Amino acid sequence: VQAFVDKHELEFKILLDPRAIVQSLYRVRGYPTTVFVDGEGLVQGIHIGVLNQRQLESYLEQIGVGG
């Protein structure tokens, strides 16, 4: 995972869940799954599958981060 993060110069937090605790809490059914959480800690969106740039920007805008 770290090699992928380094290669793509990702700056956001990557969650590793080896005991599937978060997977169970968020009811993750497929990979990759992206959970969008607002500044108050509330889940504002869940996207299953690969995100393209337009989709990512749309989700971020919805939670007040993009734009």
N, C-alpha and C. Protein backbone atom coordinates (compact mmCIF):
# COMPACT_ATOMS: atom_id res chain seq x y z
N VAL A 1 0.83 -1.19 0.00
CA VAL A 1 0.00 0.00 0.00
C VAL A 1 0.87 1.25 0.00
N GLN A 2 1.91 1.25 0.81
CA GLN A 2 2.76 2.45 0.90
C GLN A 2 3.42 2.76 -0.44
N ALA A 3 3.81 1.73 -1.18
CA ALA A 3 4.42 1.95 -2.49
C ALA A 3 3.43 2.64 -3.44
N PHE A 4 2.16 2.23 -3.39
CA PHE A 4 1.12 2.84 -4.22
C PHE A 4 0.93 4.30 -3.83
N VAL A 5 0.85 4.56 -2.53
CA VAL A 5 0.69 5.93 -2.02
C VAL A 5 1.85 6.80 -2.48
N ASP A 6 3.06 6.29 -2.36
CA ASP A 6 4.25 7.04 -2.77
C ASP A 6 4.25 7.29 -4.28
N LYS A 7 3.93 6.26 -5.04
CA LYS A 7 3.95 6.37 -6.50
C LYS A 7 2.98 7.44 -7.00
N HIS A 8 1.82 7.51 -6.38
CA HIS A 8 0.79 8.43 -6.83
C HIS A 8 0.76 9.73 -6.03
N GLU A 9 1.73 9.88 -5.14
CA GLU A 9 1.88 11.09 -4.34
C GLU A 9 0.58 11.48 -3.64
N LEU A 10 -0.08 10.48 -3.04
CA LEU A 10 -1.33 10.73 -2.34
C LEU A 10 -1.05 11.42 -1.02
N GLU A 11 -1.88 12.39 -0.69
CA GLU A 11 -1.68 13.16 0.54
C GLU A 11 -2.80 12.95 1.55
N PHE A 12 -3.86 12.23 1.16
CA PHE A 12 -4.94 11.98 2.10
C PHE A 12 -4.66 10.71 2.90
N LYS A 13 -5.38 10.56 4.00
CA LYS A 13 -5.17 9.40 4.87
C LYS A 13 -5.70 8.13 4.21
N ILE A 14 -4.94 7.08 4.35
CA ILE A 14 -5.31 5.76 3.83
C ILE A 14 -5.63 4.88 5.03
N LEU A 15 -6.80 4.29 5.03
CA LEU A 15 -7.20 3.43 6.13
C LEU A 15 -6.86 1.98 5.82
N LEU A 16 -6.09 1.37 6.70
CA LEU A 16 -5.83 -0.07 6.61
C LEU A 16 -6.66 -0.74 7.71
N ASP A 17 -7.35 -1.79 7.37
CA ASP A 17 -8.31 -2.41 8.29
C ASP A 17 -8.11 -3.93 8.31
N PRO A 18 -6.95 -4.39 8.80
CA PRO A 18 -6.63 -5.82 8.71
C PRO A 18 -7.60 -6.73 9.46
N ARG A 19 -8.30 -6.22 10.47
CA ARG A 19 -9.25 -7.06 11.20
C ARG A 19 -10.70 -6.81 10.78
N ALA A 20 -10.88 -6.01 9.72
CA ALA A 20 -12.19 -5.74 9.12
C ALA A 20 -13.18 -5.09 10.09
N ILE A 21 -12.69 -4.35 11.04
CA ILE A 21 -13.56 -3.67 12.00
C ILE A 21 -14.33 -2.53 11.30
N VAL A 22 -13.60 -1.68 10.60
CA VAL A 22 -14.24 -0.56 9.91
C VAL A 22 -15.11 -1.08 8.77
N GLN A 23 -14.64 -2.10 8.09
CA GLN A 23 -15.43 -2.72 7.02
C GLN A 23 -16.80 -3.12 7.54
N SER A 24 -16.85 -3.70 8.70
CA SER A 24 -18.12 -4.11 9.29
C SER A 24 -18.96 -2.90 9.71
N LEU A 25 -18.34 -1.92 10.36
CA LEU A 25 -19.07 -0.74 10.82
C LEU A 25 -19.71 0.04 9.68
N TYR A 26 -18.98 0.17 8.57
CA TYR A 26 -19.49 0.92 7.43
C TYR A 26 -20.18 0.04 6.40
N ARG A 27 -20.27 -1.25 6.69
CA ARG A 27 -20.94 -2.21 5.81
C ARG A 27 -20.37 -2.18 4.40
N VAL A 28 -19.05 -2.19 4.31
CA VAL A 28 -18.37 -2.17 3.01
C VAL A 28 -18.65 -3.49 2.30
N ARG A 29 -19.13 -3.38 1.07
CA ARG A 29 -19.51 -4.57 0.29
C ARG A 29 -18.60 -4.79 -0.91
N GLY A 30 -17.84 -3.79 -1.28
CA GLY A 30 -16.98 -3.93 -2.45
C GLY A 30 -15.77 -3.02 -2.34
N TYR A 31 -14.79 -3.30 -3.15
CA TYR A 31 -13.55 -2.52 -3.14
C TYR A 31 -13.27 -1.97 -4.52
N PRO A 32 -12.76 -0.78 -4.63
CA PRO A 32 -12.54 0.16 -3.53
C PRO A 32 -13.85 0.82 -3.11
N THR A 33 -13.92 1.20 -1.86
CA THR A 33 -15.05 1.95 -1.33
C THR A 33 -14.50 3.24 -0.74
N THR A 34 -15.11 4.36 -1.10
CA THR A 34 -14.71 5.66 -0.57
C THR A 34 -15.85 6.20 0.27
N VAL A 35 -15.55 6.56 1.51
CA VAL A 35 -16.54 7.12 2.42
C VAL A 35 -16.20 8.59 2.61
N PHE A 36 -17.16 9.46 2.35
CA PHE A 36 -16.95 10.89 2.49
C PHE A 36 -17.56 11.34 3.81
N VAL A 37 -16.72 11.91 4.66
CA VAL A 37 -17.12 12.33 6.00
C VAL A 37 -16.93 13.83 6.09
N ASP A 38 -17.94 14.54 6.58
CA ASP A 38 -17.84 15.99 6.67
C ASP A 38 -17.05 16.41 7.91
N GLY A 39 -16.89 17.70 8.09
CA GLY A 39 -16.10 18.23 9.19
C GLY A 39 -16.66 17.91 10.57
N GLU A 40 -17.92 17.53 10.63
CA GLU A 40 -18.55 17.16 11.90
C GLU A 40 -18.51 15.65 12.16
N GLY A 41 -17.89 14.92 11.24
CA GLY A 41 -17.77 13.48 11.40
C GLY A 41 -18.96 12.69 10.90
N LEU A 42 -19.85 13.33 10.15
CA LEU A 42 -21.02 12.63 9.62
C LEU A 42 -20.75 12.13 8.21
N VAL A 43 -21.15 10.90 7.95
CA VAL A 43 -21.00 10.33 6.62
C VAL A 43 -21.96 11.04 5.67
N GLN A 44 -21.40 11.60 4.61
CA GLN A 44 -22.20 12.35 3.65
C GLN A 44 -22.29 11.66 2.29
N GLY A 45 -21.51 10.62 2.10
CA GLY A 45 -21.55 9.90 0.84
C GLY A 45 -20.69 8.66 0.88
N ILE A 46 -21.11 7.66 0.14
CA ILE A 46 -20.35 6.42 0.00
C ILE A 46 -20.34 6.08 -1.48
N HIS A 47 -19.15 5.83 -1.99
CA HIS A 47 -19.01 5.47 -3.40
C HIS A 47 -18.29 4.13 -3.49
N ILE A 48 -18.93 3.17 -4.14
CA ILE A 48 -18.32 1.86 -4.34
C ILE A 48 -17.78 1.81 -5.76
N GLY A 49 -16.51 1.49 -5.89
CA GLY A 49 -15.87 1.43 -7.20
C GLY A 49 -14.86 2.55 -7.36
N VAL A 50 -14.26 2.57 -8.51
CA VAL A 50 -13.24 3.57 -8.81
C VAL A 50 -13.91 4.92 -9.03
N LEU A 51 -13.31 5.96 -8.48
CA LEU A 51 -13.80 7.33 -8.66
C LEU A 51 -13.04 8.02 -9.78
N ASN A 52 -13.74 8.73 -10.63
CA ASN A 52 -13.03 9.57 -11.57
C ASN A 52 -12.95 10.99 -10.98
N GLN A 53 -12.21 11.84 -11.61
CA GLN A 53 -11.98 13.19 -11.09
C GLN A 53 -13.29 13.96 -10.91
N ARG A 54 -14.16 13.87 -11.88
CA ARG A 54 -15.45 14.59 -11.82
C ARG A 54 -16.28 14.12 -10.62
N GLN A 55 -16.33 12.80 -10.41
CA GLN A 55 -17.10 12.26 -9.29
C GLN A 55 -16.51 12.71 -7.95
N LEU A 56 -15.19 12.64 -7.85
CA LEU A 56 -14.53 13.05 -6.62
C LEU A 56 -14.84 14.51 -6.30
N GLU A 57 -14.71 15.37 -7.30
CA GLU A 57 -14.98 16.80 -7.09
C GLU A 57 -16.44 17.03 -6.69
N SER A 58 -17.35 16.27 -7.28
CA SER A 58 -18.77 16.41 -6.94
C SER A 58 -19.03 16.03 -5.49
N TYR A 59 -18.48 14.90 -5.04
CA TYR A 59 -18.66 14.49 -3.65
C TYR A 59 -18.06 15.53 -2.70
N LEU A 60 -16.87 16.01 -3.00
CA LEU A 60 -16.21 16.98 -2.14
C LEU A 60 -17.00 18.29 -2.08
N GLU A 61 -17.54 18.69 -3.20
CA GLU A 61 -18.35 19.90 -3.23
C GLU A 61 -19.60 19.74 -2.36
N GLN A 62 -20.21 18.55 -2.40
CA GLN A 62 -21.40 18.29 -1.62
C GLN A 62 -21.16 18.40 -0.12
N ILE A 63 -19.94 18.08 0.33
CA ILE A 63 -19.67 18.17 1.77
C ILE A 63 -18.92 19.46 2.12
N GLY A 64 -18.84 20.37 1.15
CA GLY A 64 -18.27 21.68 1.44
C GLY A 64 -16.77 21.76 1.41
N VAL A 65 -16.12 20.83 0.71
CA VAL A 65 -14.66 20.84 0.63
C VAL A 65 -14.20 21.31 -0.74
N GLY A 66 -14.91 20.97 -1.78
CA GLY A 66 -14.50 21.30 -3.14
C GLY A 66 -14.93 22.69 -3.55
N GLY A 67 -14.62 23.00 -4.79
CA GLY A 67 -15.11 24.25 -5.34
C GLY A 67 -14.03 25.19 -5.48
